[in-house]
Protein backbone atom coordinates (compact mmCIF):
# COMPACT_ATOMS: atom_id res chain seq x y z
CA UNK A 1 200.37 187.25 14.63
CA UNK A 2 198.36 190.31 13.64
CA UNK A 3 195.27 188.95 15.39
CA UNK A 4 197.18 188.07 18.55
CA UNK A 5 198.78 191.37 18.54
CA UNK A 6 195.33 193.07 18.23
CA UNK A 7 193.96 190.85 20.96
CA UNK A 8 196.78 192.06 23.25
CA UNK A 9 196.57 195.80 22.27
CA UNK A 10 192.76 196.04 22.02
CA UNK A 11 190.90 195.40 25.36
CA UNK A 12 187.69 195.70 23.49
CA UNK A 13 188.22 192.52 21.56
CA UNK A 14 188.22 190.49 24.86
CA UNK A 15 184.88 191.78 25.86
CA UNK A 16 183.15 191.88 22.50
CA UNK A 17 181.62 188.32 22.66
CA UNK A 18 180.43 188.70 26.17
CA UNK A 19 178.87 192.25 25.58
CA UNK A 20 177.14 190.99 22.36
CA UNK A 21 175.78 188.02 24.31
CA UNK A 22 174.48 190.39 27.11
CA UNK A 23 172.83 192.69 24.46
CA UNK A 24 171.08 189.82 22.68
CA UNK A 25 169.82 188.70 26.15
CA UNK A 26 168.55 192.16 27.03
CA UNK A 27 166.74 192.43 23.66
CA UNK A 28 165.29 188.84 24.18
CA UNK A 29 163.99 189.82 27.69
CA UNK A 30 162.48 192.97 26.46
CA UNK A 31 160.67 191.07 23.66
CA UNK A 32 159.50 188.51 26.13
CA UNK A 33 158.15 191.25 28.32
CA UNK A 34 156.28 192.78 25.33
CA UNK A 35 154.88 189.37 24.48
CA UNK A 36 153.72 188.86 28.08
CA UNK A 37 151.87 192.08 28.11
CA UNK A 38 150.08 191.30 24.86
CA UNK A 39 149.62 187.52 25.55
CA UNK A 40 145.76 187.85 25.34
CA UNK A 41 145.83 189.59 21.91
CA UNK A 42 148.46 187.18 20.52
CA UNK A 43 146.44 184.15 21.84
CA UNK A 44 143.22 185.53 20.05
CA UNK A 45 145.03 185.95 16.80
CA UNK A 46 146.57 182.41 16.98
CA UNK A 47 143.04 181.10 17.86
CA UNK A 48 141.56 182.80 14.87
CA UNK A 49 144.25 181.45 12.67
CA UNK A 50 144.10 177.87 13.61
CA UNK A 51 141.11 177.09 15.35
CA UNK A 52 137.98 178.93 13.63
CA UNK A 53 137.09 181.47 11.01
CA UNK A 54 136.41 185.19 11.83
CA UNK A 55 132.86 184.83 10.56
CA UNK A 56 132.28 182.44 13.52
CA UNK A 57 133.84 184.55 16.07
CA UNK A 58 132.30 187.05 18.61
CA UNK A 59 134.70 189.35 20.48
CA UNK A 60 134.33 189.78 24.30
CA UNK A 61 135.20 192.84 26.06
CA UNK A 62 134.51 194.20 29.61
CA UNK A 63 134.08 197.83 30.90
CA UNK A 64 137.78 198.07 31.35
CA UNK A 65 138.15 198.12 27.53
CA UNK A 66 139.86 201.19 26.04
CA UNK A 67 142.69 200.95 23.76
CA UNK A 68 143.12 197.22 23.11
CA UNK A 69 140.91 196.50 20.12
CA UNK A 70 138.73 193.40 19.76
CA UNK A 71 138.95 190.99 16.89
CA UNK A 72 138.84 193.41 14.02
CA UNK A 73 137.18 190.88 11.78
CA UNK A 74 134.37 189.99 14.39
CA UNK A 75 130.98 191.15 13.27
CA UNK A 76 129.71 191.47 16.90
CA UNK A 77 130.92 192.24 20.41
CA UNK A 78 129.60 190.83 23.44
CA UNK A 79 129.97 193.25 26.45
CA UNK A 80 129.85 192.12 30.06
CA UNK A 81 129.57 194.67 32.98
CA UNK A 82 132.89 193.99 34.66
CA UNK A 83 136.55 193.72 34.13
CA UNK A 84 137.62 190.84 32.07
CA UNK A 85 140.59 189.36 30.16
CA UNK A 86 138.48 187.25 28.01
CA UNK A 87 138.60 188.10 24.43
CA UNK A 88 136.66 185.81 22.44
CA UNK A 89 133.58 183.48 22.27
CA UNK A 90 135.07 180.26 20.90
CA UNK A 91 133.45 176.72 20.51
CA UNK A 92 134.47 175.92 23.99
CA UNK A 93 132.82 177.93 26.75
CA UNK A 94 133.98 176.32 29.83
CA UNK A 95 133.24 179.37 32.25
CA UNK A 96 129.86 180.17 30.98
CA UNK A 97 130.74 183.82 29.77
CA UNK A 98 129.35 183.33 26.29
CA UNK A 99 126.11 181.56 27.42
CA UNK A 100 123.23 182.63 25.18
CA UNK A 101 125.47 184.55 22.83
CA UNK A 102 124.48 182.45 19.85
CA UNK A 103 120.71 183.13 20.50
CA UNK A 104 121.46 186.96 20.55
CA UNK A 105 123.51 186.58 17.20
CA UNK A 106 120.50 184.95 15.62
CA UNK A 107 118.25 187.78 16.65
CA UNK A 108 120.61 190.39 15.20
CA UNK A 109 121.10 188.37 11.93
CA UNK A 110 117.37 188.19 11.46
CA UNK A 111 116.57 191.91 12.39
CA UNK A 112 118.91 194.11 10.60
CA UNK A 113 117.35 197.28 12.12
CA UNK A 114 118.59 196.17 15.44
CA UNK A 115 121.89 197.61 17.05
CA UNK A 116 122.14 195.21 19.85
CA UNK A 117 120.38 192.44 21.93
CA UNK A 118 120.29 191.16 25.49
CA UNK A 119 118.60 188.56 27.62
CA UNK A 120 115.99 189.30 30.20
CA UNK A 121 114.30 186.06 30.79
CA UNK A 122 112.05 184.86 33.70
CA UNK A 123 115.03 183.69 35.61
CA UNK A 124 115.75 187.29 36.68
CA UNK A 125 112.62 187.58 38.73
CA UNK A 126 113.98 185.32 41.27
CA UNK A 127 117.36 187.17 41.72
CA UNK A 128 118.27 189.53 44.60
CA UNK A 129 117.78 193.21 44.56
CA UNK A 130 121.18 193.96 43.42
CA UNK A 131 120.52 192.25 40.10
CA UNK A 132 117.33 194.21 39.25
CA UNK A 133 119.24 196.59 37.24
CA UNK A 134 119.82 193.89 34.63
CA UNK A 135 116.33 194.52 33.68
CA UNK A 136 117.05 198.12 32.80
CA UNK A 137 115.39 199.00 29.38
CA UNK A 138 114.62 202.62 28.58
CA UNK A 139 116.18 205.91 29.71
CA UNK A 140 115.36 209.59 29.37
CA UNK A 141 117.12 212.66 30.54
CA UNK A 142 115.52 216.04 31.58
CA UNK A 143 115.83 218.47 34.44
CA UNK A 144 119.40 217.16 35.50
CA UNK A 145 117.78 213.61 35.84
CA UNK A 146 118.64 210.43 34.06
CA UNK A 147 115.48 208.23 34.49
CA UNK A 148 115.89 204.65 33.83
CA UNK A 149 112.91 202.24 33.43
CA UNK A 150 112.92 198.67 33.73
CA UNK A 151 110.99 195.84 31.97
CA UNK A 152 108.25 194.30 33.98
CA UNK A 153 106.58 190.91 33.61
CA UNK A 154 103.03 190.57 34.70
CA UNK A 155 101.22 187.18 34.46
CA UNK A 156 102.08 185.08 31.42
CA UNK A 157 104.65 186.66 29.08
CA UNK A 158 103.39 186.81 25.55
CA UNK A 159 105.72 189.29 23.95
CA UNK A 160 109.13 187.62 23.35
CA UNK A 161 111.21 190.76 22.59
CA UNK A 162 110.99 194.26 24.04
CA UNK A 163 112.72 197.05 22.24
CA UNK A 164 114.97 199.04 24.53
CA UNK A 165 117.58 201.84 24.22
CA UNK A 166 119.84 200.84 27.13
CA UNK A 167 121.22 197.69 28.84
CA UNK A 168 123.05 197.59 32.24
CA UNK A 169 123.61 193.84 31.91
CA UNK A 170 125.60 191.74 29.34
CA UNK A 171 124.59 192.55 25.73
CA UNK A 172 125.70 191.85 22.17
CA UNK A 173 126.19 194.83 19.92
CA UNK A 174 127.15 195.20 16.20
CA UNK A 175 130.77 196.04 15.91
CA UNK A 176 130.15 198.93 13.46
CA UNK A 177 127.98 200.54 16.21
CA UNK A 178 130.35 199.98 18.92
CA UNK A 179 133.38 201.51 17.15
CA UNK A 180 131.41 204.77 16.71
CA UNK A 181 130.91 205.31 20.45
CA UNK A 182 133.54 203.21 22.32
CA UNK A 183 133.91 203.02 26.12
CA UNK A 184 135.40 205.54 28.51
CA UNK A 185 136.42 203.27 31.34
CA UNK A 186 137.36 206.28 33.74
CA UNK A 187 133.46 206.01 34.57
CA UNK A 188 133.95 202.84 36.45
CA UNK A 189 130.74 201.08 37.19
CA UNK A 190 128.94 203.95 35.38
CA UNK A 191 130.83 203.11 32.12
CA UNK A 192 127.67 201.57 30.44
CA UNK A 193 125.44 204.55 31.39
CA UNK A 194 128.04 206.91 29.81
CA UNK A 195 128.03 204.69 26.73
CA UNK A 196 124.33 204.86 26.16
CA UNK A 197 123.96 208.60 27.09
CA UNK A 198 126.49 209.40 24.38
CA UNK A 199 124.20 207.47 22.11
CA UNK A 200 121.42 209.86 23.02
CA UNK A 201 118.83 207.17 23.08
CA UNK A 202 119.15 206.29 19.27
CA UNK A 203 120.31 202.61 19.87
CA UNK A 204 117.70 199.86 19.44
CA UNK A 205 118.46 197.06 21.78
CA UNK A 206 116.18 193.94 21.71
CA UNK A 207 115.56 192.50 25.19
CA UNK A 208 114.62 188.83 24.60
CA UNK A 209 112.43 187.02 27.21
CA UNK A 210 113.47 183.59 25.67
CA UNK A 211 116.83 183.67 27.08
CA UNK A 212 118.41 184.39 30.57
CA UNK A 213 121.97 184.95 31.65
CA UNK A 214 123.87 182.87 34.16
CA UNK A 215 124.91 184.39 37.42
CA UNK A 216 128.62 184.65 36.43
CA UNK A 217 127.70 186.80 33.55
CA UNK A 218 125.80 189.28 35.60
CA UNK A 219 128.43 189.98 38.13
CA UNK A 220 129.58 193.60 38.02
CA UNK A 221 132.62 195.74 39.22
CA UNK A 222 134.21 199.05 38.50
CA UNK A 223 136.00 197.79 35.44
CA UNK A 224 139.29 199.55 34.81
CA UNK A 225 138.75 201.57 38.19
CA UNK A 226 138.58 198.46 40.43
CA UNK A 227 142.07 199.17 41.72
CA UNK A 228 141.47 202.64 42.35
CA UNK A 229 141.15 203.92 45.90
CA UNK A 230 139.00 206.90 44.93
CA UNK A 231 135.44 206.70 43.92
CA UNK A 232 134.43 209.24 41.21
CA UNK A 233 132.43 206.97 38.88
CA UNK A 234 128.96 208.67 39.02
CA UNK A 235 130.65 212.07 39.78
CA UNK A 236 132.27 212.00 36.34
CA UNK A 237 129.00 210.80 34.72
CA UNK A 238 127.22 213.76 36.18
CA UNK A 239 129.94 216.17 35.15
CA UNK A 240 130.10 214.96 31.54
CA UNK A 241 126.25 214.67 30.94
CA UNK A 242 124.93 217.35 33.19
CA UNK A 243 123.18 214.88 35.43
CA UNK A 244 122.47 215.30 39.12
CA UNK A 245 120.62 212.03 39.87
CA UNK A 246 120.12 208.69 38.24
CA UNK A 247 116.71 207.33 39.06
CA UNK A 248 115.77 203.73 38.98
CA UNK A 249 112.69 202.02 39.89
CA UNK A 250 113.77 201.55 43.49
CA UNK A 251 116.54 204.11 44.26
CA UNK A 252 118.03 207.49 43.51
CA UNK A 253 121.90 207.73 42.94
CA UNK A 254 123.24 211.33 43.22
CA UNK A 255 126.25 212.34 41.28
CA UNK A 256 127.36 214.66 44.04
CA UNK A 257 126.50 215.64 47.56
CA UNK A 258 125.66 219.15 48.79
CA UNK A 259 127.14 221.48 51.42
CA UNK A 260 124.55 224.03 50.82
CA UNK A 261 123.42 225.52 54.13
CA UNK A 262 119.87 225.97 53.20
CA UNK A 263 119.52 222.18 52.47
CA UNK A 264 121.93 221.14 54.99
CA UNK A 265 121.85 223.55 58.11
CA UNK A 266 124.41 223.15 60.89
CA UNK A 267 122.34 220.86 63.19
CA UNK A 268 121.93 217.20 64.14
CA UNK A 269 120.72 215.05 61.46
CA UNK A 270 117.49 214.14 63.53
CA UNK A 271 116.58 217.79 63.56
CA UNK A 272 117.37 218.24 59.90
CA UNK A 273 115.09 215.31 58.88
CA UNK A 274 112.29 216.56 60.96
CA UNK A 275 112.39 220.02 59.46
CA UNK A 276 112.01 218.67 55.77
CA UNK A 277 108.80 218.42 53.83
CA UNK A 278 107.60 214.97 54.39
CA UNK A 279 106.23 214.84 50.85
CA UNK A 280 109.73 215.46 49.39
CA UNK A 281 111.86 213.74 51.95
CA UNK A 282 112.92 210.92 49.59
CA UNK A 283 113.70 213.46 46.88
CA UNK A 284 116.03 215.75 48.89
CA UNK A 285 119.53 215.80 47.69
CA UNK A 286 122.03 214.01 49.91
CA UNK A 287 123.99 216.41 52.29
CA UNK A 288 127.76 215.61 52.55
CA UNK A 289 127.57 215.41 56.24
CA UNK A 290 125.04 212.85 56.18
CA UNK A 291 127.40 210.51 54.45
CA UNK A 292 130.25 211.54 56.86
CA UNK A 293 127.99 210.48 59.68
CA UNK A 294 127.83 206.94 57.95
CA UNK A 295 131.55 206.84 57.44
CA UNK A 296 132.11 207.65 61.17
CA UNK A 297 129.77 204.90 62.39
CA UNK A 298 131.41 202.33 60.06
CA UNK A 299 134.91 203.36 60.90
CA UNK A 300 134.17 203.36 64.80
CA UNK A 301 132.69 199.82 64.27
CA UNK A 302 135.99 198.67 62.69
CA UNK A 303 138.13 200.20 65.54
CA UNK A 304 136.03 198.47 68.21
CA UNK A 305 136.05 195.19 66.24
CA UNK A 306 139.99 195.18 66.52
CA UNK A 307 139.97 196.54 70.18
CA UNK A 308 142.00 199.52 69.12
CA UNK A 309 141.42 202.58 71.50
CA UNK A 310 140.65 205.81 69.59
CA UNK A 311 139.53 209.40 70.24
CA UNK A 312 137.70 211.76 68.00
CA UNK A 313 139.84 214.93 67.33
CA UNK A 314 140.02 218.18 65.44
CA UNK A 315 136.93 219.32 63.50
CA UNK A 316 134.83 216.26 64.38
CA UNK A 317 135.07 217.37 68.03
CA UNK A 318 134.51 220.96 66.96
CA UNK A 319 131.18 220.12 65.36
CA UNK A 320 130.18 217.98 68.18
CA UNK A 321 130.65 220.73 70.87
CA UNK A 322 129.01 223.39 68.68
CA UNK A 323 125.93 221.55 67.40
CA UNK A 324 126.02 217.86 68.58
CA UNK A 325 126.56 217.11 64.86
CA UNK A 326 128.96 217.09 62.02
CA UNK A 327 130.18 220.43 60.35
CA UNK A 328 128.12 220.57 56.99
CA UNK A 329 130.95 222.13 55.04
CA UNK A 330 133.75 219.83 56.10
CA UNK A 331 135.31 217.12 53.91
CA UNK A 332 136.31 214.57 56.61
CA UNK A 333 136.02 212.93 60.03
CA UNK A 334 139.08 213.13 62.22
CA UNK A 335 139.96 210.02 64.32
CA UNK A 336 143.17 210.06 66.63
CA UNK A 337 145.01 206.96 67.88
CA UNK A 338 148.39 206.47 69.81
CA UNK A 339 151.63 206.25 67.66
CA UNK A 340 152.09 202.63 68.80
CA UNK A 341 148.69 201.64 67.58
CA UNK A 342 149.07 203.66 64.43
CA UNK A 343 152.17 201.50 63.51
CA UNK A 344 150.12 198.27 64.37
CA UNK A 345 150.05 196.97 60.74
CA UNK A 346 148.37 193.76 61.79
CA UNK A 347 145.51 195.66 63.39
CA UNK A 348 144.98 197.87 60.49
CA UNK A 349 145.05 194.99 58.13
CA UNK A 350 142.13 193.49 60.09
CA UNK A 351 140.39 196.81 59.91
CA UNK A 352 140.94 196.94 56.14
CA UNK A 353 139.15 193.44 55.78
CA UNK A 354 136.32 194.83 57.87
CA UNK A 355 136.00 198.16 56.04
CA UNK A 356 136.36 196.46 52.66
CA UNK A 357 133.29 194.22 53.38
CA UNK A 358 131.42 197.55 53.86
CA UNK A 359 132.69 199.17 50.71
CA UNK A 360 135.57 201.26 51.89
CA UNK A 361 139.26 201.36 50.91
CA UNK A 362 141.91 201.98 53.32
CA UNK A 363 144.93 203.62 51.78
CA UNK A 364 148.17 204.62 53.44
CA UNK A 365 149.15 207.99 51.59
CA UNK A 366 152.34 209.92 52.63
CA UNK A 367 152.20 207.76 55.84
CA UNK A 368 148.68 209.06 56.59
CA UNK A 369 146.20 206.47 57.02
CA UNK A 370 142.75 207.26 55.44
CA UNK A 371 139.38 205.55 55.01
CA UNK A 372 137.63 206.37 51.64
CA UNK A 373 134.16 205.14 50.36
CA UNK A 374 133.99 202.99 47.25
CA UNK A 375 130.24 203.22 46.74
CA UNK A 376 127.83 205.61 45.09
CA UNK A 377 125.68 208.24 46.77
CA UNK A 378 122.53 206.16 46.69
CA UNK A 379 119.38 205.84 48.65
CA UNK A 380 116.35 203.72 48.29
CA UNK A 381 112.95 205.19 47.44
CA UNK A 382 109.45 204.25 47.32
CA UNK A 383 107.31 203.90 44.13
CA UNK A 384 105.21 206.85 45.20
CA UNK A 385 108.19 209.36 44.86
CA UNK A 386 108.74 208.07 41.25
CA UNK A 387 105.44 209.35 39.99
CA UNK A 388 105.96 212.02 37.29
CA UNK A 389 104.00 214.51 39.44
CA UNK A 390 106.52 213.92 42.28
CA UNK A 391 109.73 213.39 40.60
CA UNK A 392 109.56 216.68 38.41
CA UNK A 393 107.37 218.88 40.57
CA UNK A 394 108.46 222.52 41.11
CA UNK A 395 109.52 221.83 44.73
CA UNK A 396 111.72 218.96 43.92
CA UNK A 397 113.45 220.89 41.05
CA UNK A 398 113.98 223.89 43.15
CA UNK A 399 115.80 221.64 45.63
CA UNK A 400 117.99 220.50 42.81
CA UNK A 401 118.86 223.99 41.94
CA UNK A 402 120.66 224.48 45.21
CA UNK A 403 123.13 221.68 44.34
CA UNK A 404 124.04 223.28 40.82
CA UNK A 405 126.34 223.73 39.22
CA UNK A 406 127.51 220.32 38.46
CA UNK A 407 131.19 220.39 39.18
CA UNK A 408 134.12 218.10 38.06
CA UNK A 409 134.60 215.76 41.07
CA UNK A 410 137.77 215.82 43.17
CA UNK A 411 139.24 213.12 45.25
CA UNK A 412 137.71 214.69 48.20
CA UNK A 413 134.29 215.00 46.89
CA UNK A 414 132.85 211.90 48.57
CA UNK A 415 134.26 212.73 52.04
CA UNK A 416 136.66 210.51 53.86
CA UNK A 417 138.07 209.64 57.34
CA UNK A 418 141.55 210.80 58.47
CA UNK A 419 143.34 208.72 61.09
CA UNK A 420 146.15 210.50 62.92
CA UNK A 421 148.95 209.43 65.47
CA UNK A 422 148.40 211.86 68.43
CA UNK A 423 150.16 210.52 71.75
CA UNK A 424 149.29 213.73 73.73
CA UNK A 425 145.49 213.00 73.43
CA UNK A 426 145.92 209.69 75.52
CA UNK A 427 147.98 211.23 78.44
CA UNK A 428 144.48 212.03 80.22
CA UNK A 429 141.35 210.34 80.85
CA UNK A 430 138.79 210.14 77.95
CA UNK A 431 135.24 211.72 77.95
CA UNK A 432 132.17 211.24 75.59
CA UNK A 433 130.61 213.59 73.22
CA UNK A 434 127.41 213.25 71.29
CA UNK A 435 127.08 213.30 67.51
CA UNK A 436 123.77 212.91 65.87
CA UNK A 437 122.34 211.15 69.13
CA UNK A 438 125.31 208.73 69.37
CA UNK A 439 127.97 208.71 71.95
CA UNK A 440 131.66 208.72 70.95
CA UNK A 441 135.00 208.72 72.79
CA UNK A 442 137.16 211.97 72.77
CA UNK A 443 139.62 213.80 74.81
CA UNK A 444 139.12 214.38 78.52
CA UNK A 445 138.43 218.24 78.39
CA UNK A 446 137.12 219.04 74.88
CA UNK A 447 136.91 222.74 75.77
CA UNK A 448 140.61 223.18 76.59
CA UNK A 449 141.53 220.99 73.50
CA UNK A 450 139.50 223.23 71.08
CA UNK A 451 140.95 226.33 72.67
CA UNK A 452 144.41 225.00 72.14
CA UNK A 453 143.62 223.97 68.47
CA UNK A 454 141.29 226.73 67.23
CA UNK A 455 141.47 229.48 69.87
CA UNK A 456 139.13 231.09 72.27
CA UNK A 457 136.55 231.87 69.63
CA UNK A 458 136.13 228.38 68.43
CA UNK A 459 132.36 228.32 69.27
CA UNK A 460 131.88 231.21 66.82
CA UNK A 461 131.23 230.22 63.14
CA UNK A 462 132.42 232.41 60.33
CA UNK A 463 130.18 231.76 57.16
CA UNK A 464 132.17 234.09 54.89
CA UNK A 465 134.04 231.24 53.34
CA UNK A 466 137.85 231.22 54.25
CA UNK A 467 137.23 229.94 57.84
CA UNK A 468 134.85 227.31 56.94
CA UNK A 469 137.28 224.49 57.01
CA UNK A 470 139.87 225.46 59.78
CA UNK A 471 140.07 222.06 61.46
CA UNK A 472 143.05 220.61 59.77
CA UNK A 473 145.63 223.18 60.21
CA UNK A 474 148.64 220.66 60.31
CA UNK A 475 148.02 218.31 57.42
CA UNK A 476 148.35 219.26 53.86
CA UNK A 477 147.53 216.26 51.68
CA UNK A 478 149.21 216.45 48.29
CA UNK A 479 147.49 214.77 45.18
CA UNK A 480 148.73 211.39 44.36
CA UNK A 481 148.68 210.70 40.57
CA UNK A 482 148.04 207.12 41.04
CA UNK A 483 144.65 207.76 42.56
CA UNK A 484 143.59 209.93 39.70
CA UNK A 485 140.50 208.53 37.85
CA UNK A 486 141.59 208.68 34.22
CA UNK A 487 141.12 206.53 31.25
CA UNK A 488 143.15 203.49 31.68
CA UNK A 489 143.96 201.16 28.73
CA UNK A 490 143.22 197.61 29.15
CA UNK A 491 146.45 196.51 27.52
CA UNK A 492 149.85 198.18 27.70
CA UNK A 493 149.79 201.03 30.30
CA UNK A 494 151.79 204.13 29.72
CA UNK A 495 154.23 203.29 32.58
CA UNK A 496 154.72 199.66 31.16
CA UNK A 497 155.07 201.08 27.71
CA UNK A 498 157.66 203.52 28.84
CA UNK A 499 159.61 201.11 30.88
CA UNK A 500 159.73 198.78 27.86
CA UNK A 501 160.73 201.48 25.33
CA UNK A 502 163.38 202.71 27.75
CA UNK A 503 164.67 199.23 28.25
CA UNK A 504 164.85 198.68 24.44
CA UNK A 505 166.55 202.15 23.98
CA UNK A 506 169.23 201.47 26.43
CA UNK A 507 169.97 198.11 24.94
CA UNK A 508 170.24 199.52 21.45
CA UNK A 509 172.24 202.51 22.56
CA UNK A 510 174.75 200.14 24.27
CA UNK A 511 174.83 198.00 21.06
CA UNK A 512 175.53 201.08 18.86
CA UNK A 513 178.46 202.25 21.30
CA UNK A 514 180.01 198.79 21.34
CA UNK A 515 179.62 198.39 17.61
CA UNK A 516 181.56 201.75 17.32
CA UNK A 517 184.23 200.35 19.56
CA UNK A 518 184.46 197.07 17.59
CA UNK A 519 184.87 199.07 14.30
CA UNK A 520 187.64 201.12 16.15
CA UNK A 521 189.40 197.96 17.04
CA UNK A 522 189.19 196.71 13.46
CA UNK A 523 190.80 199.80 12.18
CA UNK A 524 193.57 199.61 14.77
CA UNK A 525 194.18 195.90 13.78
CA UNK A 526 194.39 196.93 9.98
CA UNK A 527 196.91 199.68 10.95
CA UNK A 528 199.05 197.16 12.79
């Protein structure tokens, strides 16, 4: 009678079993979510416990590695130059990721003075130019320059091992050595360079000529930055190590472009190139408006491919009318389309595929369409320019001084293309303007348009600083934190961790409240 009376008088009693069931379900889902996030690590531990001993195990990590530790009992770590979820080298290697790892393990076991080992067999000679960096071997830093030298094979190779201090391809390294340095994956495709620069050239890496990696092992990407729509990889490398240029045997990669008016005067690119010293033309820093010209050509190519009418506008027209070039100190190219076409998602989806093949991302940020480069500031050079007398001569170093200081890169450092919806620009006939000896479509009367946007004195240039970038008066683009190039853990991200903790906290809090209500009900029952 007391129980039934409590059931009638205590409404919590009726809900008790249902609420407890819901809480247990919530806890189960939270635990399942946690297990799903750490599934690779759990699988690794299960594999170690039941399949093989730790002494037989080699951990595998990619350049997306940050906070999730490899097998703590593994003696060696095999590093591949891309993002990966693979964590171990077991007995089965169906995807070929751990090809030649046992050969590298034997090298390190037999030579205790070595810190790591890699393969640079003869198969690499036949590979395409993009794979040449897999033969990178030695580096030195001086005069804001990171000089990377590659191993060469002339005639019959007699030496089986070359001693290096750097590797840009897959390599095996002792766990104790790796733990002292670790990766900073915010450097994207420059993560390995950052790793070896922090070693200050002290590592001894054996490059074996008796083994070669498979194609799937040498594929590269940006690691943890692969999904980022802003490219700051080499910019961060330069900022952290005081590096302006990365010089390889066939190219120079600059960590930042320059807007300096001495190196990059306000004139068409053809006149700019003709005015440069022929002996130093390959060693000139890259002007920002040189790259903007490339972005313009690639974007126009994409617009024409999808048959979308466009017109150049704002500061891009201003530079064309002033000098038939691009303003050296600007950050962007301005392209306008009609509002109807601006909302044509299918057309922009096709454009995105075209631009992606050329190395661009096409994010939609705060309803503003933008084209951003996802590739470094690199240009090919001849072997003549790589001579010590040319690379470090006084004139070449003097040119680099105009680019200093090396600044922390911003999202806008690489330049970009903005696409605006502007119906009023399509109400009249179009006209042509010339930019760097190429014809482009713009508004029918550029003079009247520029007067309307910039005023009667638009043709006058104020070099004092504040009016150097006057051509975007109506757009203020706020920083979006998801585009920030920061260290990203390869395991549980902060957002996911916060969500999981919040979910568990709510569930436990609810359980506590209901438990309190249950005890209150019990007290009431005893009173009855």
